């Protein structure tokens, strides 16, 4: 700004704004979202119970957001006269999107296992996964569920046909549900961060290490069998389920369990058990040795009287674990 003598003078309004909002304040405001998105969630999502809590709570929040949004959008007289339609339609939409996040979580775990690993999970990565789940849910609702609704709720299709004003456009659905999904995700992630902080050990205190389970209870053939972990020699995949091999005294025995190898591995202490192949899990305490014949890798289990194949990708890792175990002893 030029003053009466042609000199550049300072605008008092700009100067006051610079004092109220200095550049450092703007930089701080920009850092807040980045710091929030980079916050780790590994210790919280590592627990299967906590993961279920996250997904159930997200589904519930989203359902409530959809119902509230529909109640605000539609007229009160319409809701009173057609309450059954209102409840069925909102639950129908929420279920589609909830299935979408489950499918997206499976896809990330299947095709991007390193990026989506629980130990690397952050708020940003969880939000990306849930955002992909929202898109999958939208496509599911748009392409699949709209055709299936004819079979399980034909009256709803007839109602929408006779009351076109009750059916929002696709742009309205995507815009409104996207906002609801964003707010629901933010609320659930904020809750997870608070619970994680509450469960974290206080400064100066050593984190409590949970004692590994001494035994595992397996349901099979309509009954339950409790097997001490040190007696389990190995686990093999059979028809997408597991056959657990263990020692009864010195006699090898086995039982069939209707659970996947992955779910069983999550219940076993990782320091004692290692997956050596996509179909085999072994107890390192019963591992007699490793052998290599050309491209053929095998693990010897003398107590069980078997030799199991080792995948080439897990050979080096298994050698390092055995070397470390011997050094610790």
Protein backbone atom coordinates (compact mmCIF):
# COMPACT_ATOMS: atom_id res chain seq x y z
CA UNK A 1 0.00 0.00 0.00
CA UNK A 2 1.31 3.46 -0.94
CA UNK A 3 1.01 6.32 1.50
CA UNK A 4 0.66 10.02 0.78
CA UNK A 5 4.39 10.38 0.08
CA UNK A 6 4.62 7.38 -2.26
CA UNK A 7 6.17 5.11 0.36
CA UNK A 8 4.97 1.57 0.97
CA UNK A 9 3.20 1.63 4.31
CA UNK A 10 1.95 -1.31 6.35
CA UNK A 11 -1.74 -2.23 6.26
CA UNK A 12 -2.88 -2.29 9.91
CA UNK A 13 -5.51 -4.97 9.19
CA UNK A 14 -2.92 -7.28 7.69
CA UNK A 15 -0.55 -6.61 10.54
CA UNK A 16 -3.24 -7.41 13.11
CA UNK A 17 -4.13 -10.64 11.24
CA UNK A 18 -0.48 -11.63 11.23
CA UNK A 19 -0.35 -11.15 14.99
CA UNK A 20 -3.50 -13.16 15.61
CA UNK A 21 -2.62 -15.92 13.12
CA UNK A 22 1.16 -16.01 12.78
CA UNK A 23 2.66 -18.40 10.18
CA UNK A 24 3.63 -20.80 12.98
CA UNK A 25 -0.05 -21.20 13.89
CA UNK A 26 -0.98 -22.22 10.36
CA UNK A 27 1.88 -24.69 10.25
CA UNK A 28 0.69 -26.14 13.55
CA UNK A 29 -2.87 -26.47 12.22
CA UNK A 30 -1.58 -28.27 9.14
CA UNK A 31 0.48 -30.64 11.27
CA UNK A 32 -2.50 -31.72 13.38
CA UNK A 33 -4.27 -33.80 10.70
CA UNK A 34 -0.97 -35.37 9.63
CA UNK A 35 -0.08 -36.24 13.21
CA UNK A 36 -3.53 -37.74 13.75
CA UNK A 37 -3.36 -39.86 10.59
CA UNK A 38 0.11 -41.13 11.51
CA UNK A 39 -0.87 -42.27 14.99
CA UNK A 40 -0.32 -46.04 15.39
CA UNK A 41 -3.16 -48.46 16.04
CA UNK A 42 -1.05 -51.61 16.12
CA UNK A 43 -1.42 -52.43 19.81
CA UNK A 44 -5.20 -52.06 19.61
CA UNK A 45 -6.02 -53.91 16.38
CA UNK A 46 -3.63 -56.74 17.29
CA UNK A 47 -6.39 -58.08 19.54
CA UNK A 48 -9.16 -59.97 17.65
CA UNK A 49 -11.68 -58.75 20.25
CA UNK A 50 -10.72 -55.13 19.63
CA UNK A 51 -10.98 -55.59 15.86
CA UNK A 52 -14.48 -56.98 16.20
CA UNK A 53 -15.37 -54.05 18.45
CA UNK A 54 -14.17 -51.59 15.79
CA UNK A 55 -16.19 -53.15 13.00
CA UNK A 56 -19.34 -53.63 15.05
CA UNK A 57 -19.18 -50.09 16.37
CA UNK A 58 -18.57 -48.67 12.89
CA UNK A 59 -21.57 -50.58 11.55
CA UNK A 60 -23.75 -49.35 14.43
CA UNK A 61 -22.64 -45.72 14.06
CA UNK A 62 -23.23 -45.83 10.34
CA UNK A 63 -26.68 -47.35 10.78
CA UNK A 64 -27.63 -44.63 13.26
CA UNK A 65 -26.28 -41.95 10.92
CA UNK A 66 -28.30 -43.32 8.00
CA UNK A 67 -31.48 -43.52 10.08
CA UNK A 68 -30.98 -40.00 11.42
CA UNK A 69 -30.27 -38.66 7.94
CA UNK A 70 -33.36 -40.33 6.51
CA UNK A 71 -35.46 -38.95 9.37
CA UNK A 72 -34.21 -35.43 8.63
CA UNK A 73 -34.65 -35.79 4.86
CA UNK A 74 -38.10 -37.33 4.72
CA UNK A 75 -41.17 -35.56 5.99
CA UNK A 76 -42.56 -36.46 9.39
CA UNK A 77 -45.96 -37.49 8.01
CA UNK A 78 -44.25 -39.77 5.50
CA UNK A 79 -42.21 -41.49 8.22
CA UNK A 80 -45.24 -41.99 10.42
CA UNK A 81 -47.26 -43.53 7.60
CA UNK A 82 -44.44 -45.69 6.22
CA UNK A 83 -42.32 -46.63 9.24
CA UNK A 84 -41.80 -50.22 8.04
CA UNK A 85 -40.30 -48.96 4.77
CA UNK A 86 -38.09 -46.51 6.63
CA UNK A 87 -36.63 -49.17 8.97
CA UNK A 88 -36.20 -51.83 6.26
CA UNK A 89 -34.59 -49.49 3.77
CA UNK A 90 -32.06 -48.00 6.19
CA UNK A 91 -31.03 -51.40 7.60
CA UNK A 92 -30.77 -52.70 4.04
CA UNK A 93 -28.35 -49.93 3.09
CA UNK A 94 -26.27 -50.14 6.27
CA UNK A 95 -25.82 -53.92 5.92
CA UNK A 96 -24.58 -53.51 2.33
CA UNK A 97 -21.89 -51.07 3.39
CA UNK A 98 -20.91 -53.16 6.41
CA UNK A 99 -20.39 -56.16 4.12
CA UNK A 100 -18.34 -53.84 1.92
CA UNK A 101 -15.78 -53.11 4.66
CA UNK A 102 -15.48 -56.82 5.44
CA UNK A 103 -14.77 -57.58 1.79
CA UNK A 104 -12.28 -54.71 1.57
CA UNK A 105 -10.47 -55.89 4.72
CA UNK A 106 -10.18 -59.37 3.25
CA UNK A 107 -8.87 -57.99 -0.06
CA UNK A 108 -6.20 -55.85 1.64
CA UNK A 109 -5.11 -58.79 3.77
CA UNK A 110 -5.00 -61.07 0.73
CA UNK A 111 -3.27 -58.82 -1.81
CA UNK A 112 -1.41 -56.27 0.39
CA UNK A 113 -0.47 -58.27 3.49
CA UNK A 114 2.64 -56.24 4.35
CA UNK A 115 0.96 -52.84 3.96
CA UNK A 116 -2.14 -53.85 5.95
CA UNK A 117 -0.33 -55.88 8.63
CA UNK A 118 -1.60 -55.25 12.14
CA UNK A 119 1.83 -54.25 13.44
CA UNK A 120 2.01 -51.49 10.79
CA UNK A 121 -1.57 -50.30 11.11
CA UNK A 122 -2.04 -46.54 11.54
CA UNK A 123 -5.09 -44.30 11.56
CA UNK A 124 -4.44 -43.37 7.92
CA UNK A 125 -4.17 -46.98 6.75
CA UNK A 126 -7.29 -47.97 8.66
CA UNK A 127 -9.13 -45.05 7.13
CA UNK A 128 -7.97 -46.03 3.64
CA UNK A 129 -9.21 -49.59 4.20
CA UNK A 130 -12.58 -48.36 5.46
CA UNK A 131 -12.81 -45.87 2.59
CA UNK A 132 -12.28 -48.71 0.14
CA UNK A 133 -14.95 -50.63 2.05
CA UNK A 134 -17.35 -47.73 1.54
CA UNK A 135 -16.77 -47.83 -2.23
CA UNK A 136 -17.24 -51.61 -2.28
CA UNK A 137 -20.43 -51.23 -0.24
CA UNK A 138 -21.74 -48.62 -2.66
CA UNK A 139 -21.05 -50.89 -5.63
CA UNK A 140 -22.60 -53.80 -3.76
CA UNK A 141 -25.74 -51.78 -3.11
CA UNK A 142 -25.82 -50.41 -6.65
CA UNK A 143 -25.07 -53.55 -8.65
CA UNK A 144 -25.93 -56.57 -6.51
CA UNK A 145 -28.23 -55.84 -3.60
CA UNK A 146 -30.66 -53.86 -5.74
CA UNK A 147 -31.36 -57.06 -7.68
CA UNK A 148 -31.55 -59.31 -4.61
CA UNK A 149 -34.05 -57.08 -2.82
CA UNK A 150 -36.73 -58.36 -5.20
CA UNK A 151 -36.52 -61.74 -3.51
CA UNK A 152 -36.39 -60.85 0.18
CA UNK A 153 -38.44 -57.61 0.19
CA UNK A 154 -40.61 -57.43 -2.95
CA UNK A 155 -43.03 -55.06 -1.23
CA UNK A 156 -40.19 -52.57 -0.87
CA UNK A 157 -39.61 -52.57 -4.63
CA UNK A 158 -43.30 -52.03 -5.26
CA UNK A 159 -43.36 -49.21 -2.73
CA UNK A 160 -40.45 -47.41 -4.41
CA UNK A 161 -42.15 -47.85 -7.75
CA UNK A 162 -45.36 -46.19 -6.55
CA UNK A 163 -43.55 -43.59 -4.39
CA UNK A 164 -40.56 -42.39 -6.46
CA UNK A 165 -40.09 -39.40 -4.17
CA UNK A 166 -38.99 -41.80 -1.40
CA UNK A 167 -36.01 -43.03 -3.40
CA UNK A 168 -33.00 -40.66 -3.28
CA UNK A 169 -30.77 -40.24 -6.32
CA UNK A 170 -27.42 -42.00 -6.56
CA UNK A 171 -25.57 -38.71 -6.11
CA UNK A 172 -27.52 -38.00 -2.92
CA UNK A 173 -26.83 -41.51 -1.63
CA UNK A 174 -23.09 -41.28 -2.31
CA UNK A 175 -22.74 -37.75 -0.92
CA UNK A 176 -24.80 -38.28 2.21
CA UNK A 177 -23.52 -41.77 3.00
CA UNK A 178 -19.95 -40.65 2.32
CA UNK A 179 -20.32 -37.94 4.95
CA UNK A 180 -21.94 -40.36 7.37
CA UNK A 181 -19.16 -42.88 6.76
CA UNK A 182 -16.48 -40.25 7.32
CA UNK A 183 -17.98 -39.11 10.62
CA UNK A 184 -18.61 -42.66 11.82
CA UNK A 185 -15.03 -43.68 10.97
CA UNK A 186 -13.64 -40.62 12.78
CA UNK A 187 -15.70 -41.35 15.90
CA UNK A 188 -14.72 -45.03 16.00
CA UNK A 189 -11.02 -44.37 15.39
CA UNK A 190 -10.97 -41.67 18.06
CA UNK A 191 -12.53 -44.16 20.49
CA UNK A 192 -9.91 -46.77 19.55
CA UNK A 193 -7.08 -44.29 20.20
CA UNK A 194 -8.49 -43.44 23.63
CA UNK A 195 -8.87 -47.10 24.59
CA UNK A 196 -5.36 -47.81 23.34
CA UNK A 197 -3.94 -44.96 25.40
CA UNK A 198 -5.84 -46.11 28.47
CA UNK A 199 -4.46 -49.64 28.11
CA UNK A 200 -0.87 -48.43 27.56
CA UNK A 201 1.52 -48.79 30.52
CA UNK A 202 2.32 -45.68 32.52
CA UNK A 203 5.67 -43.96 32.06
CA UNK A 204 8.43 -45.69 33.96
CA UNK A 205 6.54 -48.95 34.19
CA UNK A 206 7.53 -52.01 32.23
CA UNK A 207 4.76 -53.26 29.96
CA UNK A 208 3.07 -56.30 31.37
CA UNK A 209 3.78 -59.39 29.30
CA UNK A 210 0.81 -61.75 29.20
CA UNK A 211 1.70 -65.26 30.23
CA UNK A 212 1.39 -67.67 27.31
CA UNK A 213 -1.40 -70.22 27.67
CA UNK A 214 -0.31 -73.58 29.04
CA UNK A 215 -2.90 -75.48 27.04
CA UNK A 216 -5.47 -75.02 24.30
CA UNK A 217 -9.03 -76.33 24.22
CA UNK A 218 -10.14 -77.81 20.89
CA UNK A 219 -13.78 -78.49 19.98
CA UNK A 220 -14.23 -81.61 17.86
CA UNK A 221 -16.81 -84.34 17.33
CA UNK A 222 -19.26 -82.63 19.69
CA UNK A 223 -16.84 -82.53 22.61
CA UNK A 224 -13.84 -80.57 23.83
CA UNK A 225 -10.28 -81.73 24.39
CA UNK A 226 -7.67 -79.73 26.28
CA UNK A 227 -4.14 -80.27 24.95
CA UNK A 228 -1.00 -78.93 26.68
CA UNK A 229 0.93 -76.78 24.23
CA UNK A 230 4.22 -78.54 24.84
CA UNK A 231 2.64 -81.82 23.67
CA UNK A 232 1.60 -80.45 20.27
CA UNK A 233 4.19 -81.49 17.67
CA UNK A 234 2.70 -80.02 14.51
CA UNK A 235 -0.50 -78.97 12.75
CA UNK A 236 -1.45 -79.78 9.16
CA UNK A 237 -4.16 -78.41 6.88
CA UNK A 238 -6.84 -80.88 5.86
CA UNK A 239 -9.84 -79.85 3.75
CA UNK A 240 -9.34 -76.16 4.67
CA UNK A 241 -9.36 -77.09 8.38
CA UNK A 242 -6.72 -78.37 10.80
CA UNK A 243 -5.50 -81.70 12.05
CA UNK A 244 -3.60 -81.25 15.32
CA UNK A 245 -0.88 -83.79 16.06
CA UNK A 246 0.18 -84.22 19.69
CA UNK A 247 1.78 -86.70 22.07
CA UNK A 248 -0.18 -88.72 24.60
CA UNK A 249 2.74 -89.79 26.71
CA UNK A 250 5.09 -91.03 23.99
CA UNK A 251 2.30 -92.10 21.61
CA UNK A 252 1.54 -89.77 18.66
CA UNK A 253 -2.15 -88.92 18.34
CA UNK A 254 -4.18 -86.43 16.34
CA UNK A 255 -7.62 -84.86 16.16
CA UNK A 256 -9.52 -82.88 13.55
CA UNK A 257 -10.50 -79.30 14.41
CA UNK A 258 -12.98 -77.20 12.42
CA UNK A 259 -10.83 -74.08 12.37
CA UNK A 260 -8.39 -72.60 9.88
CA UNK A 261 -4.65 -72.78 10.30
CA UNK A 262 -4.48 -69.01 10.55
CA UNK A 263 -7.03 -68.75 13.35
CA UNK A 264 -5.31 -71.56 15.26
CA UNK A 265 -1.89 -69.91 14.85
CA UNK A 266 -3.25 -66.72 16.45
CA UNK A 267 -4.03 -68.66 19.63
CA UNK A 268 -0.56 -70.25 19.88
CA UNK A 269 2.52 -68.46 21.29
CA UNK A 270 4.59 -67.26 18.31
CA UNK A 271 7.86 -67.83 20.15
CA UNK A 272 7.22 -71.60 20.23
CA UNK A 273 5.32 -72.22 16.99
CA UNK A 274 6.29 -71.39 13.42
CA UNK A 275 4.51 -71.84 10.11
CA UNK A 276 6.98 -73.57 7.80
CA UNK A 277 4.62 -74.10 4.89
CA UNK A 278 1.18 -72.91 3.87
CA UNK A 279 -0.11 -76.30 5.07
CA UNK A 280 2.13 -76.96 8.09
CA UNK A 281 2.73 -75.40 11.49
CA UNK A 282 5.36 -76.90 13.82
CA UNK A 283 6.28 -76.68 17.47
CA UNK A 284 9.92 -75.58 17.58
CA UNK A 285 10.41 -77.54 20.80
CA UNK A 286 9.89 -80.79 18.87
CA UNK A 287 11.94 -79.77 15.84
CA UNK A 288 14.85 -82.21 15.58
CA UNK A 289 16.65 -80.64 12.66
CA UNK A 290 16.51 -79.25 9.15
CA UNK A 291 17.60 -80.94 5.95
CA UNK A 292 18.15 -79.71 2.40
CA UNK A 293 18.40 -81.80 -0.74
CA UNK A 294 18.69 -79.58 -3.79
CA UNK A 295 15.50 -77.52 -3.81
CA UNK A 296 13.83 -79.78 -1.29
CA UNK A 297 13.69 -78.45 2.28
CA UNK A 298 12.40 -80.54 5.17
CA UNK A 299 11.87 -80.30 8.93
CA UNK A 300 12.43 -83.39 11.06
CA UNK A 301 10.07 -84.15 13.95
CA UNK A 302 11.48 -87.30 15.64
CA UNK A 303 8.79 -87.52 18.35
CA UNK A 304 6.03 -87.54 15.72
CA UNK A 305 8.03 -89.70 13.31
CA UNK A 306 7.48 -87.40 10.31
CA UNK A 307 9.35 -85.06 8.01
CA UNK A 308 7.46 -81.99 6.79
CA UNK A 309 8.23 -79.82 3.75
CA UNK A 310 9.46 -76.27 4.24
CA UNK A 311 8.68 -73.58 1.71
CA UNK A 312 11.67 -71.85 0.19
CA UNK A 313 10.49 -68.45 1.44
CA UNK A 314 10.44 -69.65 5.07
CA UNK A 315 13.72 -71.60 5.04
CA UNK A 316 16.02 -68.69 5.98
CA UNK A 317 13.59 -67.39 8.61
CA UNK A 318 13.37 -70.81 10.23
CA UNK A 319 17.17 -71.16 10.31
CA UNK A 320 17.48 -67.78 12.02
CA UNK A 321 14.87 -68.67 14.62
CA UNK A 322 16.56 -71.96 15.45
CA UNK A 323 19.97 -70.27 15.71
CA UNK A 324 18.52 -67.61 18.02
CA UNK A 325 16.77 -70.24 20.14
CA UNK A 326 20.01 -72.16 20.62
CA UNK A 327 21.89 -68.95 21.48
CA UNK A 328 19.32 -68.05 24.13
CA UNK A 329 19.66 -71.47 25.72
